[in-house]
Amino acid sequence: MIKLSKNPHLVRLKTRGESICPISKTIDSFEITVEYIPRGAALAIEEFKKIVDSYRGREILHEELAVDILEKIKAAVNPPYVKVILKSYYIGVEIEVVAESGGAQTMYI
C-alpha cells in the first residue's frame, strides 16, 4: 500500500496471469484489469503483481478468481469502488468475468 497525499479519480491496473482450470486441469491464461477509486492509499504495482502471480499453479475457476482478487484489493486499500475484469479464451470461446463492489463516484462536466 502506498499512502497518497492527493487522490486521482480512478486507478486502472492491467496484467496477465495464469491459473489451473479445476475441470480440465489445463493452464488457464488470463488478462486482468482492475479499476478502483483510491481513498488515501494506492495499491503498489508490485503488490498487485504478487496478488495475480499467487494464482499460478492454483486450481480456481475464473468466476471465483475475479471475486477473490476483488476481495484482496478491498482488504489492501479499502477503496469505495473496485471493479475486476478478467478475460480469457477456452476452447475458442472468449470469457469475460466482471466482479464489482461499491458505487462509482459521480462525474460532473
PDB file of N, CA and C in Angstrom:
ATOM      1  N   MET A   1       0.842  -1.168   0.000  1.00  0.00           N
ATOM      2  CA  MET A   1       0.000   0.000   0.000  1.00  0.00           C
ATOM      3  C   MET A   1       0.894   1.240   0.000  1.00  0.00           C
ATOM      4  N   ILE A   2       0.477   2.225  -0.773  1.00  0.00           N
ATOM      5  CA  ILE A   2       1.186   3.490  -0.865  1.00  0.00           C
ATOM      6  C   ILE A   2       0.245   4.586  -0.382  1.00  0.00           C
ATOM      7  N   LYS A   3       0.675   5.375   0.597  1.00  0.00           N
ATOM      8  CA  LYS A   3      -0.129   6.494   1.087  1.00  0.00           C
ATOM      9  C   LYS A   3      -0.135   7.605   0.040  1.00  0.00           C
ATOM     10  N   LEU A   4      -1.295   8.189  -0.194  1.00  0.00           N
ATOM     11  CA  LEU A   4      -1.433   9.265  -1.176  1.00  0.00           C
ATOM     12  C   LEU A   4      -1.754  10.581  -0.480  1.00  0.00           C
ATOM     13  N   SER A   5      -1.113  11.654  -0.913  1.00  0.00           N
ATOM     14  CA  SER A   5      -1.467  12.977  -0.404  1.00  0.00           C
ATOM     15  C   SER A   5      -2.565  13.595  -1.265  1.00  0.00           C
ATOM     16  N   LYS A   6      -2.691  13.122  -2.508  1.00  0.00           N
ATOM     17  CA  LYS A   6      -3.748  13.556  -3.423  1.00  0.00           C
ATOM     18  C   LYS A   6      -4.328  12.315  -4.088  1.00  0.00           C
ATOM     19  N   ASN A   7      -5.647  12.291  -4.231  1.00  0.00           N
ATOM     20  CA  ASN A   7      -6.313  11.119  -4.810  1.00  0.00           C
ATOM     21  C   ASN A   7      -6.696  11.352  -6.266  1.00  0.00           C
ATOM     22  N   PRO A   8      -6.244  10.483  -7.173  1.00  0.00           N
ATOM     23  CA  PRO A   8      -6.773  10.548  -8.530  1.00  0.00           C
ATOM     24  C   PRO A   8      -8.207  10.032  -8.532  1.00  0.00           C
ATOM     25  N   HIS A   9      -8.945  10.337  -9.591  1.00  0.00           N
ATOM     26  CA  HIS A   9     -10.336   9.879  -9.682  1.00  0.00           C
ATOM     27  C   HIS A   9     -10.421   8.363  -9.839  1.00  0.00           C
ATOM     28  N   LEU A  10      -9.493   7.792 -10.598  1.00  0.00           N
ATOM     29  CA  LEU A  10      -9.546   6.361 -10.880  1.00  0.00           C
ATOM     30  C   LEU A  10      -8.144   5.835 -11.129  1.00  0.00           C
ATOM     31  N   VAL A  11      -7.878   4.630 -10.643  1.00  0.00           N
ATOM     32  CA  VAL A  11      -6.625   3.933 -10.928  1.00  0.00           C
ATOM     33  C   VAL A  11      -6.985   2.669 -11.704  1.00  0.00           C
ATOM     34  N   ARG A  12      -6.264   2.408 -12.800  1.00  0.00           N
ATOM     35  CA  ARG A  12      -6.502   1.213 -13.607  1.00  0.00           C
ATOM     36  C   ARG A  12      -5.180   0.456 -13.723  1.00  0.00           C
ATOM     37  N   LEU A  13      -5.206  -0.824 -13.357  1.00  0.00           N
ATOM     38  CA  LEU A  13      -4.045  -1.700 -13.460  1.00  0.00           C
ATOM     39  C   LEU A  13      -4.407  -2.871 -14.365  1.00  0.00           C
ATOM     40  N   LYS A  14      -3.463  -3.280 -15.207  1.00  0.00           N
ATOM     41  CA  LYS A  14      -3.742  -4.351 -16.164  1.00  0.00           C
ATOM     42  C   LYS A  14      -2.505  -5.234 -16.288  1.00  0.00           C
ATOM     43  N   THR A  15      -2.706  -6.552 -16.270  1.00  0.00           N
ATOM     44  CA  THR A  15      -1.605  -7.502 -16.443  1.00  0.00           C
ATOM     45  C   THR A  15      -2.153  -8.845 -16.906  1.00  0.00           C
ATOM     46  N   ARG A  16      -1.271  -9.789 -17.055  1.00  0.00           N
ATOM     47  CA  ARG A  16      -1.643 -11.159 -17.429  1.00  0.00           C
ATOM     48  C   ARG A  16      -1.262 -12.112 -16.301  1.00  0.00           C
ATOM     49  N   GLY A  17      -1.966 -13.232 -16.248  1.00  0.00           N
ATOM     50  CA  GLY A  17      -1.680 -14.225 -15.226  1.00  0.00           C
ATOM     51  C   GLY A  17      -2.064 -15.611 -15.694  1.00  0.00           C
ATOM     52  N   GLU A  18      -1.827 -16.568 -14.826  1.00  0.00           N
ATOM     53  CA  GLU A  18      -2.157 -17.973 -15.105  1.00  0.00           C
ATOM     54  C   GLU A  18      -2.722 -18.628 -13.854  1.00  0.00           C
ATOM     55  N   SER A  19      -3.602 -19.570 -14.084  1.00  0.00           N
ATOM     56  CA  SER A  19      -4.114 -20.442 -13.034  1.00  0.00           C
ATOM     57  C   SER A  19      -4.341 -21.807 -13.677  1.00  0.00           C
ATOM     58  N   ILE A  20      -4.889 -22.714 -12.923  1.00  0.00           N
ATOM     59  CA  ILE A  20      -5.197 -24.058 -13.441  1.00  0.00           C
ATOM     60  C   ILE A  20      -6.711 -24.234 -13.430  1.00  0.00           C
ATOM     61  N   CYS A  21      -7.254 -24.703 -14.552  1.00  0.00           N
ATOM     62  CA  CYS A  21      -8.690 -24.992 -14.625  1.00  0.00           C
ATOM     63  C   CYS A  21      -8.972 -26.232 -13.767  1.00  0.00           C
ATOM     64  N   PRO A  22      -9.861 -26.122 -12.776  1.00  0.00           N
ATOM     65  CA  PRO A  22     -10.146 -27.284 -11.934  1.00  0.00           C
ATOM     66  C   PRO A  22     -10.936 -28.377 -12.657  1.00  0.00           C
ATOM     67  N   ILE A  23     -11.492 -28.060 -13.822  1.00  0.00           N
ATOM     68  CA  ILE A  23     -12.271 -29.049 -14.571  1.00  0.00           C
ATOM     69  C   ILE A  23     -11.376 -29.812 -15.542  1.00  0.00           C
ATOM     70  N   SER A  24     -10.649 -29.079 -16.410  1.00  0.00           N
ATOM     71  CA  SER A  24      -9.816 -29.728 -17.432  1.00  0.00           C
ATOM     72  C   SER A  24      -8.383 -29.967 -16.974  1.00  0.00           C
ATOM     73  N   LYS A  25      -7.987 -29.326 -15.857  1.00  0.00           N
ATOM     74  CA  LYS A  25      -6.614 -29.423 -15.308  1.00  0.00           C
ATOM     75  C   LYS A  25      -5.580 -28.815 -16.253  1.00  0.00           C
ATOM     76  N   THR A  26      -6.002 -27.942 -17.170  1.00  0.00           N
ATOM     77  CA  THR A  26      -5.078 -27.279 -18.082  1.00  0.00           C
ATOM     78  C   THR A  26      -4.741 -25.884 -17.548  1.00  0.00           C
ATOM     79  N   ILE A  27      -3.678 -25.302 -18.085  1.00  0.00           N
ATOM     80  CA  ILE A  27      -3.290 -23.951 -17.693  1.00  0.00           C
ATOM     81  C   ILE A  27      -4.260 -22.951 -18.313  1.00  0.00           C
ATOM     82  N   ASP A  28      -4.806 -22.088 -17.489  1.00  0.00           N
ATOM     83  CA  ASP A  28      -5.679 -21.004 -17.935  1.00  0.00           C
ATOM     84  C   ASP A  28      -4.879 -19.714 -17.936  1.00  0.00           C
ATOM     85  N   SER A  29      -4.660 -19.146 -19.098  1.00  0.00           N
ATOM     86  CA  SER A  29      -4.028 -17.829 -19.193  1.00  0.00           C
ATOM     87  C   SER A  29      -5.142 -16.797 -19.224  1.00  0.00           C
ATOM     88  N   PHE A  30      -4.939 -15.693 -18.531  1.00  0.00           N
ATOM     89  CA  PHE A  30      -5.970 -14.662 -18.493  1.00  0.00           C
ATOM     90  C   PHE A  30      -5.340 -13.278 -18.478  1.00  0.00           C
ATOM     91  N   GLU A  31      -6.158 -12.316 -18.875  1.00  0.00           N
ATOM     92  CA  GLU A  31      -5.796 -10.906 -18.774  1.00  0.00           C
ATOM     93  C   GLU A  31      -6.716 -10.306 -17.726  1.00  0.00           C
ATOM     94  N   ILE A  32      -6.146  -9.529 -16.826  1.00  0.00           N
ATOM     95  CA  ILE A  32      -6.960  -8.951 -15.758  1.00  0.00           C
ATOM     96  C   ILE A  32      -6.774  -7.444 -15.716  1.00  0.00           C
ATOM     97  N   THR A  33      -7.900  -6.751 -15.582  1.00  0.00           N
ATOM     98  CA  THR A  33      -7.898  -5.303 -15.425  1.00  0.00           C
ATOM     99  C   THR A  33      -8.605  -4.987 -14.115  1.00  0.00           C
ATOM    100  N   VAL A  34      -7.977  -4.146 -13.319  1.00  0.00           N
ATOM    101  CA  VAL A  34      -8.566  -3.713 -12.055  1.00  0.00           C
ATOM    102  C   VAL A  34      -8.715  -2.203 -12.104  1.00  0.00           C
ATOM    103  N   GLU A  35      -9.893  -1.734 -11.763  1.00  0.00           N
ATOM    104  CA  GLU A  35     -10.152  -0.297 -11.657  1.00  0.00           C
ATOM    105  C   GLU A  35     -10.641  -0.036 -10.237  1.00  0.00           C
ATOM    106  N   TYR A  36     -10.088   1.000  -9.610  1.00  0.00           N
ATOM    107  CA  TYR A  36     -10.576   1.359  -8.282  1.00  0.00           C
ATOM    108  C   TYR A  36     -10.404   2.849  -8.034  1.00  0.00           C
ATOM    109  N   ILE A  37     -11.213   3.352  -7.134  1.00  0.00           N
ATOM    110  CA  ILE A  37     -11.120   4.740  -6.707  1.00  0.00           C
ATOM    111  C   ILE A  37     -10.347   4.739  -5.392  1.00  0.00           C
ATOM    112  N   PRO A  38      -9.178   5.360  -5.374  1.00  0.00           N
ATOM    113  CA  PRO A  38      -8.396   5.361  -4.139  1.00  0.00           C
ATOM    114  C   PRO A  38      -9.001   6.262  -3.074  1.00  0.00           C
ATOM    115  N   ARG A  39      -8.775   5.872  -1.835  1.00  0.00           N
ATOM    116  CA  ARG A  39      -9.225   6.661  -0.688  1.00  0.00           C
ATOM    117  C   ARG A  39      -8.032   6.814   0.257  1.00  0.00           C
ATOM    118  N   GLY A  40      -7.086   7.656  -0.148  1.00  0.00           N
ATOM    119  CA  GLY A  40      -5.931   7.916   0.707  1.00  0.00           C
ATOM    120  C   GLY A  40      -4.785   6.931   0.544  1.00  0.00           C
ATOM    121  N   ALA A  41      -5.014   5.850  -0.209  1.00  0.00           N
ATOM    122  CA  ALA A  41      -3.966   4.848  -0.409  1.00  0.00           C
ATOM    123  C   ALA A  41      -4.127   4.205  -1.776  1.00  0.00           C
ATOM    124  N   ALA A  42      -2.997   3.812  -2.338  1.00  0.00           N
ATOM    125  CA  ALA A  42      -2.993   3.113  -3.624  1.00  0.00           C
ATOM    126  C   ALA A  42      -2.312   1.759  -3.454  1.00  0.00           C
ATOM    127  N   LEU A  43      -2.691   0.842  -4.293  1.00  0.00           N
ATOM    128  CA  LEU A  43      -2.075  -0.478  -4.300  1.00  0.00           C
ATOM    129  C   LEU A  43      -0.741  -0.382  -5.030  1.00  0.00           C
ATOM    130  N   ALA A  44       0.343  -0.797  -4.388  1.00  0.00           N
ATOM    131  CA  ALA A  44       1.652  -0.789  -5.041  1.00  0.00           C
ATOM    132  C   ALA A  44       1.621  -1.751  -6.225  1.00  0.00           C
ATOM    133  N   ILE A  45       2.263  -1.383  -7.309  1.00  0.00           N
ATOM    134  CA  ILE A  45       2.282  -2.215  -8.517  1.00  0.00           C
ATOM    135  C   ILE A  45       2.845  -3.595  -8.200  1.00  0.00           C
ATOM    136  N   GLU A  46       3.900  -3.641  -7.397  1.00  0.00           N
ATOM    137  CA  GLU A  46       4.500  -4.926  -7.017  1.00  0.00           C
ATOM    138  C   GLU A  46       3.514  -5.790  -6.229  1.00  0.00           C
ATOM    139  N   GLU A  47       2.714  -5.149  -5.391  1.00  0.00           N
ATOM    140  CA  GLU A  47       1.709  -5.878  -4.613  1.00  0.00           C
ATOM    141  C   GLU A  47       0.627  -6.438  -5.531  1.00  0.00           C
ATOM    142  N   PHE A  48       0.191  -5.635  -6.501  1.00  0.00           N
ATOM    143  CA  PHE A  48      -0.796  -6.086  -7.476  1.00  0.00           C
ATOM    144  C   PHE A  48      -0.273  -7.304  -8.239  1.00  0.00           C
ATOM    145  N   LYS A  49       0.965  -7.223  -8.723  1.00  0.00           N
ATOM    146  CA  LYS A  49       1.556  -8.335  -9.477  1.00  0.00           C
ATOM    147  C   LYS A  49       1.693  -9.575  -8.599  1.00  0.00           C
ATOM    148  N   LYS A  50       2.036  -9.382  -7.342  1.00  0.00           N
ATOM    149  CA  LYS A  50       2.156 -10.507  -6.403  1.00  0.00           C
ATOM    150  C   LYS A  50       0.804 -11.200  -6.198  1.00  0.00           C
ATOM    151  N   ILE A  51      -0.261 -10.399  -6.091  1.00  0.00           N
ATOM    152  CA  ILE A  51      -1.611 -10.965  -5.940  1.00  0.00           C
ATOM    153  C   ILE A  51      -1.949 -11.825  -7.157  1.00  0.00           C
ATOM    154  N   VAL A  52      -1.738 -11.278  -8.359  1.00  0.00           N
ATOM    155  CA  VAL A  52      -2.067 -12.004  -9.588  1.00  0.00           C
ATOM    156  C   VAL A  52      -1.199 -13.253  -9.725  1.00  0.00           C
ATOM    157  N   ASP A  53       0.088 -13.128  -9.461  1.00  0.00           N
ATOM    158  CA  ASP A  53       1.009 -14.270  -9.587  1.00  0.00           C
ATOM    159  C   ASP A  53       0.737 -15.371  -8.569  1.00  0.00           C
ATOM    160  N   SER A  54       0.040 -15.058  -7.474  1.00  0.00           N
ATOM    161  CA  SER A  54      -0.245 -16.066  -6.444  1.00  0.00           C
ATOM    162  C   SER A  54      -1.194 -17.153  -6.946  1.00  0.00           C
ATOM    163  N   TYR A  55      -1.819 -16.949  -8.105  1.00  0.00           N
ATOM    164  CA  TYR A  55      -2.741 -17.947  -8.659  1.00  0.00           C
ATOM    165  C   TYR A  55      -2.055 -18.919  -9.611  1.00  0.00           C
ATOM    166  N   ARG A  56      -0.802 -18.676  -9.944  1.00  0.00           N
ATOM    167  CA  ARG A  56      -0.061 -19.578 -10.834  1.00  0.00           C
ATOM    168  C   ARG A  56       0.032 -20.962 -10.161  1.00  0.00           C
ATOM    169  N   GLY A  57      -0.430 -21.976 -10.882  1.00  0.00           N
ATOM    170  CA  GLY A  57      -0.405 -23.342 -10.365  1.00  0.00           C
ATOM    171  C   GLY A  57      -1.563 -23.682  -9.441  1.00  0.00           C
ATOM    172  N   ARG A  58      -2.456 -22.744  -9.205  1.00  0.00           N
ATOM    173  CA  ARG A  58      -3.598 -22.961  -8.303  1.00  0.00           C
ATOM    174  C   ARG A  58      -4.852 -23.268  -9.111  1.00  0.00           C
ATOM    175  N   GLU A  59      -5.593 -24.269  -8.687  1.00  0.00           N
ATOM    176  CA  GLU A  59      -6.857 -24.610  -9.335  1.00  0.00           C
ATOM    177  C   GLU A  59      -7.949 -23.673  -8.840  1.00  0.00           C
ATOM    178  N   ILE A  60      -8.522 -22.915  -9.786  1.00  0.00           N
ATOM    179  CA  ILE A  60      -9.594 -21.985  -9.441  1.00  0.00           C
ATOM    180  C   ILE A  60     -10.343 -21.602 -10.711  1.00  0.00           C
ATOM    181  N   LEU A  61     -11.654 -21.522 -10.616  1.00  0.00           N
ATOM    182  CA  LEU A  61     -12.469 -21.073 -11.738  1.00  0.00           C
ATOM    183  C   LEU A  61     -12.294 -19.567 -11.922  1.00  0.00           C
ATOM    184  N   HIS A  62     -12.374 -19.098 -13.158  1.00  0.00           N
ATOM    185  CA  HIS A  62     -12.218 -17.670 -13.418  1.00  0.00           C
ATOM    186  C   HIS A  62     -13.260 -16.840 -12.674  1.00  0.00           C
ATOM    187  N   GLU A  63     -14.457 -17.353 -12.568  1.00  0.00           N
ATOM    188  CA  GLU A  63     -15.514 -16.645 -11.867  1.00  0.00           C
ATOM    189  C   GLU A  63     -15.132 -16.399 -10.399  1.00  0.00           C
ATOM    190  N   GLU A  64     -14.527 -17.400  -9.785  1.00  0.00           N
ATOM    191  CA  GLU A  64     -14.095 -17.281  -8.395  1.00  0.00           C
ATOM    192  C   GLU A  64     -12.840 -16.415  -8.280  1.00  0.00           C
ATOM    193  N   LEU A  65     -11.956 -16.530  -9.256  1.00  0.00           N
ATOM    194  CA  LEU A  65     -10.705 -15.782  -9.246  1.00  0.00           C
ATOM    195  C   LEU A  65     -10.968 -14.279  -9.266  1.00  0.00           C
ATOM    196  N   ALA A  66     -11.881 -13.826 -10.105  1.00  0.00           N
ATOM    197  CA  ALA A  66     -12.201 -12.396 -10.182  1.00  0.00           C
ATOM    198  C   ALA A  66     -12.709 -11.867  -8.844  1.00  0.00           C
ATOM    199  N   VAL A  67     -13.584 -12.613  -8.199  1.00  0.00           N
ATOM    200  CA  VAL A  67     -14.127 -12.199  -6.903  1.00  0.00           C
ATOM    201  C   VAL A  67     -13.032 -12.233  -5.835  1.00  0.00           C
ATOM    202  N   ASP A  68     -12.177 -13.240  -5.874  1.00  0.00           N
ATOM    203  CA  ASP A  68     -11.088 -13.372  -4.907  1.00  0.00           C
ATOM    204  C   ASP A  68     -10.129 -12.180  -4.997  1.00  0.00           C
ATOM    205  N   ILE A  69      -9.769 -11.788  -6.207  1.00  0.00           N
ATOM    206  CA  ILE A  69      -8.877 -10.642  -6.387  1.00  0.00           C
ATOM    207  C   ILE A  69      -9.558  -9.362  -5.915  1.00  0.00           C
ATOM    208  N   LEU A  70     -10.828  -9.200  -6.223  1.00  0.00           N
ATOM    209  CA  LEU A  70     -11.580  -8.039  -5.740  1.00  0.00           C
ATOM    210  C   LEU A  70     -11.505  -7.957  -4.217  1.00  0.00           C
ATOM    211  N   GLU A  71     -11.714  -9.060  -3.545  1.00  0.00           N
ATOM    212  CA  GLU A  71     -11.686  -9.084  -2.079  1.00  0.00           C
ATOM    213  C   GLU A  71     -10.301  -8.744  -1.537  1.00  0.00           C
ATOM    214  N   LYS A  72      -9.244  -9.208  -2.210  1.00  0.00           N
ATOM    215  CA  LYS A  72      -7.880  -8.896  -1.764  1.00  0.00           C
ATOM    216  C   LYS A  72      -7.569  -7.412  -1.923  1.00  0.00           C
ATOM    217  N   ILE A  73      -8.043  -6.807  -2.991  1.00  0.00           N
ATOM    218  CA  ILE A  73      -7.802  -5.381  -3.203  1.00  0.00           C
ATOM    219  C   ILE A  73      -8.590  -4.551  -2.191  1.00  0.00           C
ATOM    220  N   LYS A  74      -9.820  -4.958  -1.918  1.00  0.00           N
ATOM    221  CA  LYS A  74     -10.611  -4.264  -0.902  1.00  0.00           C
ATOM    222  C   LYS A  74      -9.921  -4.328   0.458  1.00  0.00           C
ATOM    223  N   ALA A  75      -9.368  -5.481   0.796  1.00  0.00           N
ATOM    224  CA  ALA A  75      -8.684  -5.637   2.080  1.00  0.00           C
ATOM    225  C   ALA A  75      -7.395  -4.804   2.138  1.00  0.00           C
ATOM    226  N   ALA A  76      -6.728  -4.658   0.998  1.00  0.00           N
ATOM    227  CA  ALA A  76      -5.437  -3.959   0.970  1.00  0.00           C
ATOM    228  C   ALA A  76      -5.582  -2.445   1.044  1.00  0.00           C
ATOM    229  N   VAL A  77      -6.526  -1.854   0.275  1.00  0.00           N
ATOM    230  CA  VAL A  77      -6.592  -0.385   0.200  1.00  0.00           C
ATOM    231  C   VAL A  77      -7.963   0.205   0.512  1.00  0.00           C
ATOM    232  N   ASN A  78      -8.949  -0.619   0.810  1.00  0.00           N
ATOM    233  CA  ASN A  78     -10.279  -0.167   1.208  1.00  0.00           C
ATOM    234  C   ASN A  78     -10.861   0.915   0.285  1.00  0.00           C
ATOM    235  N   PRO A  79     -10.936   0.636  -1.014  1.00  0.00           N
ATOM    236  CA  PRO A  79     -11.483   1.649  -1.926  1.00  0.00           C
ATOM    237  C   PRO A  79     -13.009   1.697  -1.837  1.00  0.00           C
ATOM    238  N   PRO A  80     -13.607   2.875  -2.095  1.00  0.00           N
ATOM    239  CA  PRO A  80     -15.071   2.938  -2.093  1.00  0.00           C
ATOM    240  C   PRO A  80     -15.679   2.238  -3.312  1.00  0.00           C
ATOM    241  N   TYR A  81     -14.850   2.035  -4.343  1.00  0.00           N
ATOM    242  CA  TYR A  81     -15.306   1.356  -5.555  1.00  0.00           C
ATOM    243  C   TYR A  81     -14.144   0.560  -6.135  1.00  0.00           C
ATOM    244  N   VAL A  82     -14.424  -0.678  -6.532  1.00  0.00           N
ATOM    245  CA  VAL A  82     -13.427  -1.506  -7.209  1.00  0.00           C
ATOM    246  C   VAL A  82     -14.134  -2.411  -8.213  1.00  0.00           C
ATOM    247  N   LYS A  83     -13.484  -2.585  -9.370  1.00  0.00           N
ATOM    248  CA  LYS A  83     -14.028  -3.436 -10.431  1.00  0.00           C
ATOM    249  C   LYS A  83     -12.887  -4.288 -10.972  1.00  0.00           C
ATOM    250  N   VAL A  84     -13.141  -5.574 -11.119  1.00  0.00           N
ATOM    251  CA  VAL A  84     -12.170  -6.518 -11.670  1.00  0.00           C
ATOM    252  C   VAL A  84     -12.771  -7.120 -12.933  1.00  0.00           C
ATOM    253  N   ILE A  85     -12.017  -7.044 -14.035  1.00  0.00           N
ATOM    254  CA  ILE A  85     -12.450  -7.634 -15.298  1.00  0.00           C
ATOM    255  C   ILE A  85     -11.409  -8.666 -15.695  1.00  0.00           C
ATOM    256  N   LEU A  86     -11.829  -9.906 -15.809  1.00  0.00           N
ATOM    257  CA  LEU A  86     -10.930 -10.997 -16.162  1.00  0.00           C
ATOM    258  C   LEU A  86     -11.354 -11.537 -17.524  1.00  0.00           C
ATOM    259  N   LYS A  87     -10.406 -11.606 -18.473  1.00  0.00           N
ATOM    260  CA  LYS A  87     -10.702 -12.100 -19.822  1.00  0.00           C
ATOM    261  C   LYS A  87      -9.792 -13.276 -20.149  1.00  0.00           C
ATOM    262  N   SER A  88     -10.373 -14.269 -20.811  1.00  0.00           N
ATOM    263  CA  SER A  88      -9.595 -15.424 -21.257  1.00  0.00           C
ATOM    264  C   SER A  88     -10.324 -16.113 -22.408  1.00  0.00           C
ATOM    265  N   TYR A  89      -9.674 -17.122 -22.950  1.00  0.00           N
ATOM    266  CA  TYR A  89     -10.266 -17.946 -24.006  1.00  0.00           C
ATOM    267  C   TYR A  89     -10.191 -19.399 -23.575  1.00  0.00           C
ATOM    268  N   TYR A  90     -11.249 -20.136 -23.836  1.00  0.00           N
ATOM    269  CA  TYR A  90     -11.258 -21.570 -23.557  1.00  0.00           C
ATOM    270  C   TYR A  90     -11.983 -22.253 -24.702  1.00  0.00           C
ATOM    271  N   ILE A  91     -11.352 -23.196 -25.323  1.00  0.00           N
ATOM    272  CA  ILE A  91     -11.831 -23.943 -26.496  1.00  0.00           C
ATOM    273  C   ILE A  91     -12.482 -23.013 -27.528  1.00  0.00           C
ATOM    274  N   GLY A  92     -11.837 -21.893 -27.754  1.00  0.00           N
ATOM    275  CA  GLY A  92     -12.309 -20.952 -28.766  1.00  0.00           C
ATOM    276  C   GLY A  92     -13.409 -20.013 -28.317  1.00  0.00           C
ATOM    277  N   VAL A  93     -13.760 -20.041 -27.040  1.00  0.00           N
ATOM    278  CA  VAL A  93     -14.809 -19.179 -26.507  1.00  0.00           C
ATOM    279  C   VAL A  93     -14.168 -18.101 -25.634  1.00  0.00           C
ATOM    280  N   GLU A  94     -14.495 -16.842 -25.931  1.00  0.00           N
ATOM    281  CA  GLU A  94     -13.990 -15.749 -25.085  1.00  0.00           C
ATOM    282  C   GLU A  94     -14.824 -15.668 -23.819  1.00  0.00           C
ATOM    283  N   ILE A  95     -14.140 -15.572 -22.702  1.00  0.00           N
ATOM    284  CA  ILE A  95     -14.792 -15.483 -21.394  1.00  0.00           C
ATOM    285  C   ILE A  95     -14.439 -14.125 -20.797  1.00  0.00           C
ATOM    286  N   GLU A  96     -15.426 -13.434 -20.284  1.00  0.00           N
ATOM    287  CA  GLU A  96     -15.187 -12.182 -19.568  1.00  0.00           C
ATOM    288  C   GLU A  96     -15.985 -12.240 -18.277  1.00  0.00           C
ATOM    289  N   VAL A  97     -15.285 -12.121 -17.167  1.00  0.00           N
ATOM    290  CA  VAL A  97     -15.908 -12.149 -15.852  1.00  0.00           C
ATOM    291  C   VAL A  97     -15.713 -10.778 -15.221  1.00  0.00           C
ATOM    292  N   VAL A  98     -16.789 -10.206 -14.680  1.00  0.00           N
ATOM    293  CA  VAL A  98     -16.719  -8.904 -14.031  1.00  0.00           C
ATOM    294  C   VAL A  98     -17.181  -9.057 -12.584  1.00  0.00           C
ATOM    295  N   ALA A  99     -16.347  -8.581 -11.665  1.00  0.00           N
ATOM    296  CA  ALA A  99     -16.709  -8.511 -10.251  1.00  0.00           C
ATOM    297  C   ALA A  99     -16.594  -7.043  -9.853  1.00  0.00           C
ATOM    298  N   GLU A 100     -17.604  -6.520  -9.163  1.00  0.00           N
ATOM    299  CA  GLU A 100     -17.650  -5.091  -8.867  1.00  0.00           C
ATOM    300  C   GLU A 100     -18.196  -4.877  -7.461  1.00  0.00           C
ATOM    301  N   SER A 101     -17.667  -3.874  -6.782  1.00  0.00           N
ATOM    302  CA  SER A 101     -18.121  -3.569  -5.433  1.00  0.00           C
ATOM    303  C   SER A 101     -18.114  -2.065  -5.221  1.00  0.00           C
ATOM    304  N   GLY A 102     -19.152  -1.548  -4.589  1.00  0.00           N
ATOM    305  CA  GLY A 102     -19.242  -0.120  -4.314  1.00  0.00           C
ATOM    306  C   GLY A 102     -19.849   0.621  -5.477  1.00  0.00           C
ATOM    307  N   GLY A 103     -19.982   1.896  -5.319  1.00  0.00           N
ATOM    308  CA  GLY A 103     -20.540   2.726  -6.389  1.00  0.00           C
ATOM    309  C   GLY A 103     -19.503   3.668  -6.914  1.00  0.00           C
ATOM    310  N   ALA A 104     -19.508   3.863  -8.208  1.00  0.00           N
ATOM    311  CA  ALA A 104     -18.581   4.809  -8.837  1.00  0.00           C
ATOM    312  C   ALA A 104     -19.001   6.222  -8.481  1.00  0.00           C
ATOM    313  N   GLN A 105     -18.022   7.078  -8.249  1.00  0.00           N
ATOM    314  CA  GLN A 105     -18.327   8.471  -7.920  1.00  0.00           C
ATOM    315  C   GLN A 105     -18.919   9.166  -9.146  1.00  0.00           C
ATOM    316  N   THR A 106     -19.850  10.078  -8.895  1.00  0.00           N
ATOM    317  CA  THR A 106     -20.474  10.840  -9.964  1.00  0.00           C
ATOM    318  C   THR A 106     -19.466  11.819 -10.545  1.00  0.00           C
ATOM    319  N   MET A 107     -19.402  11.881 -11.881  1.00  0.00           N
ATOM    320  CA  MET A 107     -18.516  12.821 -12.543  1.00  0.00           C
ATOM    321  C   MET A 107     -19.360  13.969 -13.084  1.00  0.00           C
ATOM    322  N   TYR A 108     -18.916  15.165 -12.835  1.00  0.00           N
ATOM    323  CA  TYR A 108     -19.584  16.356 -13.346  1.00  0.00           C
ATOM    324  C   TYR A 108     -18.703  17.009 -14.390  1.00  0.00           C
ATOM    325  N   ILE A 109     -19.284  17.409 -15.497  1.00  0.00           N
ATOM    326  CA  ILE A 109     -18.515  18.044 -16.572  1.00  0.00           C
ATOM    327  C   ILE A 109     -18.887  19.512 -16.654  1.00  0.00           C
TER     328      ILE A 109
END
